[in-house]
Amino acid sequence: MTYSKYRFISGCVVFFFANITGACSMFFEDDIADEELVILAPADGTTTEVLTHTFWWSTIVGADSYRLQIVSPSFDETEVLLLDSLLDSDKFVETLYPGQFQLRVRGENNGYVTEWAYSSLIIFSSEDLTRQRVQLKSPAEKAFVNAESIEFSWDHLMNAESYDLKIYGDNWGQDAIVDSSGIIELGVNLDNLEERAYWWGVKAQNETSETLFSNRPLVIDRTPPENPTLESPQNNAILSDSTVVFSWDSNDPVWSKVLDELIIVEKREGATDVQVHSDTYDGKTATVNLFRGRKYSWKIQSIDQAGNESEISNEQQFTINN
């Protein structure tokens, strides 16, 4: 390792808990200052009638995020800052309008940034919607929702006069559940859709042309997860190790994936009990450092992808010896 390639970062945090203890963290950040980022799309100098673009750039080893900025007409003569976002991926979708634009992207981490990469783009106005697409807003891509009333919304598309909304079951294009055309608003609210998987999509149209459908999957789930069951430590267990491994079982009856909140309370005889730990886990186990000579209780609550909550599990108690 050479120190010209990395920046050394050190930090100390002081915690007060009965006695003062100190903890220091040390890590190195990759020096990415000389790395070259390349904008892959749109190509520099692109001229098009397409309004919605996927901005795409090369990844940089050592970069934690990427800053994307879009202005009009250029960075030398900026009139409008349209976007300034810090992103964790190498792609970003944005709908613009007819005009002249310039974008730039750089990689960043906690210690360094790369040089900016630039690209210019000209969009001209066209009544032809054939190459356009509707940008869907909500529900989000692959969303799980539990609401009784759900808003389906999308962005305005220039030169569009109306929109069609279609909702299918498990597969797009098979057995339409909702088929609504001529919508002039940018969204509709639908009530009492049953629990299941869906595909929903929107297309735009005017007198002479129309877009293809933009679509995405959706799951409506209003059923709470099954009540979790505690496995270890068992009720009234006496432990010799203050590093405690907790295990439990939990499940969603339909979609299977849940997050579990582990709640640990210190039991204080003759005083108010104190919650000492609360965190969520995507597995069925957690390791927590506690204190010797104390009595604790623990319990679990499950939360599924749609936000439905299970009942809180039965509480179990345990003691850690001195």
Protein backbone atom coordinates (compact mmCIF):
# COMPACT_ATOMS: atom_id res chain seq x y z
CA MET A 1 0.00 0.00 0.00
CA THR A 2 1.30 3.45 -0.89
CA TYR A 3 0.05 6.53 0.90
CA SER A 4 -0.20 8.46 -2.38
CA LYS A 5 -3.06 6.18 -3.38
CA TYR A 6 -5.13 6.44 -0.19
CA ARG A 7 -6.25 9.08 2.25
CA PHE A 8 -6.06 8.08 5.92
CA ILE A 9 -9.10 9.14 7.91
CA SER A 10 -9.35 8.79 11.65
CA GLY A 11 -12.20 9.57 13.98
CA CYS A 12 -12.82 9.19 17.69
CA VAL A 13 -16.19 9.01 19.40
CA VAL A 14 -16.56 9.32 23.17
CA PHE A 15 -19.45 7.55 24.82
CA PHE A 16 -20.70 8.24 28.35
CA PHE A 17 -22.24 5.25 30.06
CA ALA A 18 -21.48 4.91 33.76
CA ASN A 19 -17.79 5.40 32.94
CA ILE A 20 -16.20 7.23 30.02
CA THR A 21 -14.90 4.93 27.34
CA GLY A 22 -13.28 5.84 24.05
CA ALA A 23 -13.59 4.26 20.64
CA CYS A 24 -11.65 5.26 17.55
CA SER A 25 -12.28 4.25 13.95
CA MET A 26 -9.66 4.32 11.22
CA PHE A 27 -10.03 3.66 7.53
CA PHE A 28 -8.54 4.48 4.16
CA GLU A 29 -10.33 6.03 1.19
CA ASP A 30 -9.23 5.21 -2.36
CA ASP A 31 -7.64 8.15 -4.16
CA ILE A 32 -9.88 8.42 -7.23
CA ALA A 33 -8.81 11.94 -8.22
CA ASP A 34 -6.97 10.74 -11.34
CA GLU A 35 -9.61 8.21 -12.42
CA GLU A 36 -11.46 9.01 -15.65
CA LEU A 37 -15.24 8.75 -15.73
CA VAL A 38 -16.92 8.42 -19.15
CA ILE A 39 -20.50 9.39 -19.98
CA LEU A 40 -21.93 6.51 -22.04
CA ALA A 41 -25.37 7.96 -22.86
CA PRO A 42 -26.49 10.25 -24.24
CA ALA A 43 -23.49 10.65 -26.53
CA ASP A 44 -21.98 14.12 -26.58
CA GLY A 45 -23.71 16.30 -29.17
CA THR A 46 -26.87 14.20 -29.38
CA THR A 47 -29.79 15.91 -31.15
CA THR A 48 -33.16 14.23 -30.70
CA GLU A 49 -36.90 14.70 -30.18
CA VAL A 50 -36.89 12.17 -27.30
CA LEU A 51 -37.74 13.85 -23.99
CA THR A 52 -37.06 11.05 -21.48
CA HIS A 53 -33.44 9.92 -21.24
CA THR A 54 -31.49 7.37 -19.25
CA PHE A 55 -28.25 9.09 -18.30
CA TRP A 56 -25.54 6.42 -18.04
CA TRP A 57 -21.86 6.60 -17.14
CA SER A 58 -18.92 4.31 -16.39
CA THR A 59 -18.32 3.17 -12.83
CA ILE A 60 -15.20 4.07 -10.85
CA VAL A 61 -13.59 1.58 -8.46
CA GLY A 62 -13.42 3.33 -5.09
CA ALA A 63 -16.29 5.75 -5.76
CA ASP A 64 -19.15 5.54 -3.26
CA SER A 65 -21.50 7.78 -5.24
CA TYR A 66 -21.84 9.91 -8.35
CA ARG A 67 -22.89 13.54 -8.65
CA LEU A 68 -25.02 14.35 -11.70
CA GLN A 69 -25.76 17.95 -12.68
CA ILE A 70 -27.88 19.12 -15.63
CA VAL A 71 -28.15 22.76 -16.73
CA SER A 72 -29.57 24.74 -19.62
CA PRO A 73 -28.11 25.79 -21.96
CA SER A 74 -24.52 25.11 -20.72
CA PHE A 75 -22.25 25.39 -17.70
CA ASP A 76 -20.50 28.38 -19.27
CA GLU A 77 -23.80 30.24 -19.73
CA THR A 78 -26.11 28.67 -17.15
CA GLU A 79 -29.66 29.96 -17.08
CA VAL A 80 -31.36 27.07 -15.29
CA LEU A 81 -30.00 24.41 -12.93
CA LEU A 82 -32.32 21.48 -13.61
CA LEU A 83 -30.70 18.77 -11.50
CA ASP A 84 -28.01 18.38 -8.86
CA SER A 85 -28.22 14.90 -7.34
CA LEU A 86 -25.87 12.52 -5.52
CA LEU A 87 -26.60 8.99 -6.76
CA ASP A 88 -25.44 5.51 -5.78
CA SER A 89 -25.84 3.95 -9.23
CA ASP A 90 -24.50 4.51 -12.75
CA LYS A 91 -27.89 5.34 -14.30
CA PHE A 92 -30.55 7.99 -13.82
CA VAL A 93 -33.79 8.59 -15.75
CA GLU A 94 -35.01 12.16 -16.29
CA THR A 95 -37.63 13.77 -18.52
CA LEU A 96 -36.59 17.10 -20.04
CA TYR A 97 -38.22 19.50 -22.52
CA PRO A 98 -37.24 20.93 -25.92
CA GLY A 99 -34.08 22.98 -25.50
CA GLN A 100 -30.30 22.87 -25.18
CA PHE A 101 -28.72 21.10 -22.20
CA GLN A 102 -25.36 20.14 -20.78
CA LEU A 103 -24.74 17.52 -18.14
CA ARG A 104 -21.73 16.54 -16.10
CA VAL A 105 -20.94 13.62 -13.80
CA ARG A 106 -18.14 12.89 -11.32
CA GLY A 107 -17.36 10.09 -8.87
CA GLU A 108 -17.06 10.84 -5.15
CA ASN A 109 -16.05 9.23 -1.88
CA ASN A 110 -15.38 10.67 1.56
CA GLY A 111 -11.90 11.81 0.61
CA TYR A 112 -11.73 12.43 -3.12
CA VAL A 113 -13.63 13.36 -6.29
CA THR A 114 -12.84 12.65 -9.93
CA GLU A 115 -12.75 15.28 -12.65
CA TRP A 116 -16.10 16.11 -14.24
CA ALA A 117 -17.14 14.33 -17.45
CA TYR A 118 -19.32 16.44 -19.77
CA SER A 119 -21.93 15.79 -22.45
CA SER A 120 -24.26 18.10 -24.39
CA LEU A 121 -27.78 17.40 -25.61
CA ILE A 122 -30.26 19.23 -27.84
CA ILE A 123 -33.95 18.29 -27.76
CA PHE A 124 -36.30 19.64 -30.43
CA SER A 125 -40.08 19.74 -30.26
CA SER A 126 -42.14 17.14 -32.10
CA GLU A 127 -45.84 16.30 -32.19
CA ASP A 128 -44.90 12.69 -32.91
CA LEU A 129 -45.13 10.71 -29.66
CA THR A 130 -43.93 7.44 -31.16
CA ARG A 131 -40.44 7.60 -29.61
CA GLN A 132 -41.54 9.18 -26.32
CA ARG A 133 -42.47 7.38 -23.14
CA VAL A 134 -44.49 8.25 -20.08
CA GLN A 135 -42.51 8.53 -16.86
CA LEU A 136 -44.43 6.68 -14.12
CA LYS A 137 -44.38 8.19 -10.62
CA SER A 138 -46.35 6.12 -8.13
CA PRO A 139 -46.60 3.40 -7.00
CA ALA A 140 -42.83 2.97 -7.28
CA GLU A 141 -41.12 0.22 -9.25
CA LYS A 142 -41.80 -3.20 -7.62
CA ALA A 143 -43.71 -1.51 -4.80
CA PHE A 144 -45.51 -3.38 -2.04
CA VAL A 145 -48.48 -1.37 -0.73
CA ASN A 146 -51.22 -2.00 1.83
CA ALA A 147 -53.50 1.03 1.33
CA GLU A 148 -57.20 0.63 0.52
CA SER A 149 -57.02 3.59 -1.88
CA ILE A 150 -54.02 3.68 -4.22
CA GLU A 151 -52.94 6.61 -6.37
CA PHE A 152 -51.56 5.75 -9.81
CA SER A 153 -49.71 8.81 -11.14
CA TRP A 154 -47.32 9.82 -13.91
CA ASP A 155 -45.48 12.85 -15.26
CA HIS A 156 -46.85 15.18 -17.92
CA LEU A 157 -45.60 14.40 -21.42
CA MET A 158 -45.30 17.38 -23.74
CA ASN A 159 -47.70 17.32 -26.73
CA ALA A 160 -49.78 14.55 -25.16
CA GLU A 161 -53.53 15.18 -25.05
CA SER A 162 -54.67 12.22 -22.95
CA TYR A 163 -53.49 9.04 -21.26
CA ASP A 164 -54.62 5.41 -21.05
CA LEU A 165 -54.20 3.38 -17.84
CA LYS A 166 -54.22 -0.40 -17.85
CA ILE A 167 -53.83 -2.78 -14.91
CA TYR A 168 -53.33 -6.52 -15.39
CA GLY A 169 -52.90 -9.44 -13.04
CA ASP A 170 -49.71 -11.47 -12.77
CA ASN A 171 -48.63 -10.92 -16.38
CA TRP A 172 -48.70 -7.77 -18.49
CA GLY A 173 -51.15 -8.04 -21.38
CA GLN A 174 -53.32 -10.84 -19.99
CA ASP A 175 -56.87 -10.25 -18.68
CA ALA A 176 -57.07 -6.51 -18.00
CA ILE A 177 -58.50 -5.66 -14.58
CA VAL A 178 -58.59 -1.90 -15.26
CA ASP A 179 -58.77 -0.44 -18.78
CA SER A 180 -59.33 3.31 -18.65
CA SER A 181 -58.77 5.59 -21.64
CA GLY A 182 -58.93 9.31 -22.39
CA ILE A 183 -57.61 10.39 -18.98
CA ILE A 184 -56.62 14.07 -19.02
CA GLU A 185 -55.33 14.22 -15.44
CA LEU A 186 -51.90 12.97 -14.36
CA GLY A 187 -53.23 10.31 -12.04
CA VAL A 188 -56.22 8.40 -10.74
CA ASN A 189 -57.15 6.93 -7.36
CA LEU A 190 -58.48 3.39 -7.29
CA ASP A 191 -60.19 1.86 -4.27
CA ASN A 192 -60.48 -1.71 -3.01
CA LEU A 193 -58.17 -3.49 -5.41
CA GLU A 194 -57.80 -7.01 -4.05
CA GLU A 195 -54.59 -8.38 -2.57
CA ARG A 196 -52.44 -9.87 -5.32
CA ALA A 197 -49.64 -9.12 -7.78
CA TYR A 198 -50.33 -6.66 -10.61
CA TRP A 199 -48.75 -4.98 -13.59
CA TRP A 200 -49.83 -1.40 -14.31
CA GLY A 201 -48.96 0.86 -17.20
CA VAL A 202 -49.72 4.15 -18.92
CA LYS A 203 -49.44 5.39 -22.48
CA ALA A 204 -49.91 8.91 -23.89
CA GLN A 205 -51.58 9.95 -27.12
CA ASN A 206 -52.59 12.87 -29.29
CA GLU A 207 -54.57 13.10 -32.52
CA THR A 208 -51.81 11.64 -34.70
CA SER A 209 -49.62 9.38 -32.56
CA GLU A 210 -49.18 7.54 -29.28
CA THR A 211 -46.43 6.15 -27.09
CA LEU A 212 -45.94 2.56 -26.10
CA PHE A 213 -47.03 1.63 -22.59
CA SER A 214 -44.63 2.30 -19.73
CA ASN A 215 -45.28 -0.38 -17.12
CA ARG A 216 -44.07 -1.74 -13.80
CA PRO A 217 -45.03 -4.46 -11.29
CA LEU A 218 -46.96 -3.86 -8.08
CA VAL A 219 -48.05 -6.02 -5.13
CA ILE A 220 -50.99 -5.17 -2.90
CA ASP A 221 -50.63 -6.90 0.45
CA ARG A 222 -52.78 -6.07 3.47
CA THR A 223 -52.19 -9.31 5.39
CA PRO A 224 -49.91 -9.01 8.45
CA PRO A 225 -46.98 -11.41 8.86
CA GLU A 226 -47.41 -14.41 11.10
CA ASN A 227 -46.64 -13.83 14.75
CA PRO A 228 -42.92 -14.48 15.38
CA THR A 229 -41.80 -17.21 17.77
CA LEU A 230 -38.77 -16.88 20.04
CA GLU A 231 -36.16 -19.64 20.07
CA SER A 232 -33.05 -18.56 22.01
CA PRO A 233 -32.30 -17.56 24.70
CA GLN A 234 -35.17 -19.51 26.18
CA ASN A 235 -37.41 -18.10 28.88
CA ASN A 236 -35.71 -17.79 32.29
CA ALA A 237 -32.36 -18.86 30.85
CA ILE A 238 -29.23 -18.09 32.88
CA LEU A 239 -26.29 -17.10 30.67
CA SER A 240 -22.58 -16.85 31.41
CA ASP A 241 -21.62 -14.82 28.33
CA SER A 242 -22.60 -11.15 28.01
CA THR A 243 -22.46 -11.46 24.20
CA VAL A 244 -25.92 -12.86 23.57
CA VAL A 245 -27.01 -14.57 20.36
CA PHE A 246 -30.75 -14.21 19.76
CA SER A 247 -32.65 -16.44 17.34
CA TRP A 248 -36.29 -16.59 16.33
CA ASP A 249 -38.62 -17.66 13.54
CA SER A 250 -40.85 -15.35 11.49
CA ASN A 251 -42.67 -15.51 8.18
CA ASP A 252 -45.00 -13.74 5.79
CA PRO A 253 -47.73 -16.20 4.75
CA VAL A 254 -47.77 -15.04 1.10
CA TRP A 255 -44.64 -13.07 0.15
CA SER A 256 -42.20 -14.57 2.72
CA LYS A 257 -39.82 -11.61 3.15
CA VAL A 258 -40.05 -9.73 6.46
CA LEU A 259 -37.93 -7.48 8.63
CA ASP A 260 -37.90 -8.24 12.35
CA GLU A 261 -37.54 -5.70 15.13
CA LEU A 262 -35.66 -7.02 18.17
CA ILE A 263 -36.55 -5.18 21.39
CA ILE A 264 -34.50 -5.79 24.55
CA VAL A 265 -35.50 -4.35 27.92
CA GLU A 266 -33.42 -4.31 31.11
CA LYS A 267 -35.59 -5.41 34.05
CA ARG A 268 -34.92 -3.28 37.12
CA GLU A 269 -36.33 -4.45 40.43
CA GLY A 270 -37.93 -1.58 42.30
CA ALA A 271 -37.33 0.82 39.39
CA THR A 272 -38.64 1.52 35.90
CA ASP A 273 -37.55 -0.95 33.24
CA VAL A 274 -35.32 0.52 30.51
CA GLN A 275 -35.30 -0.39 26.82
CA VAL A 276 -31.64 -0.94 25.91
CA HIS A 277 -31.88 -2.17 22.32
CA SER A 278 -34.18 -1.81 19.33
CA ASP A 279 -33.07 -2.65 15.81
CA THR A 280 -34.37 -4.39 12.69
CA TYR A 281 -32.88 -7.49 11.06
CA ASP A 282 -33.48 -9.27 7.77
CA GLY A 283 -32.25 -12.60 9.13
CA LYS A 284 -33.53 -14.67 12.01
CA THR A 285 -30.63 -14.01 14.35
CA ALA A 286 -28.81 -11.15 16.04
CA THR A 287 -25.80 -10.81 18.34
CA VAL A 288 -25.97 -8.11 21.01
CA ASN A 289 -23.46 -7.15 23.72
CA LEU A 290 -25.14 -6.63 27.10
CA PHE A 291 -24.00 -6.30 30.73
CA ARG A 292 -23.25 -8.96 33.30
CA GLY A 293 -25.26 -9.28 36.49
CA ARG A 294 -28.49 -8.01 34.96
CA LYS A 295 -31.87 -9.37 33.96
CA TYR A 296 -33.40 -8.75 30.54
CA SER A 297 -36.51 -9.47 28.52
CA TRP A 298 -36.76 -9.66 24.75
CA LYS A 299 -39.45 -9.80 22.08
CA ILE A 300 -39.84 -9.60 18.30
CA GLN A 301 -42.24 -7.84 15.94
CA SER A 302 -42.27 -8.57 12.19
CA ILE A 303 -42.89 -6.01 9.44
CA ASP A 304 -43.50 -7.09 5.85
CA GLN A 305 -42.57 -5.33 2.61
CA ALA A 306 -45.91 -3.50 2.47
CA GLY A 307 -45.57 -2.17 6.03
CA ASN A 308 -47.99 -4.59 7.68
CA GLU A 309 -47.01 -5.37 11.28
CA SER A 310 -47.43 -8.65 13.12
CA GLU A 311 -48.51 -8.93 16.71
CA ILE A 312 -45.60 -8.58 19.12
CA SER A 313 -44.29 -11.99 20.17
CA ASN A 314 -44.51 -13.34 23.66
CA GLU A 315 -41.85 -11.88 25.94
CA GLN A 316 -39.04 -14.07 27.27
CA GLN A 317 -36.64 -13.24 30.10
CA PHE A 318 -33.05 -14.20 30.81
CA THR A 319 -30.29 -13.34 33.27
CA ILE A 320 -26.56 -12.86 32.66
CA ASN A 321 -24.34 -13.96 35.56
CA ASN A 322 -21.60 -11.75 36.98
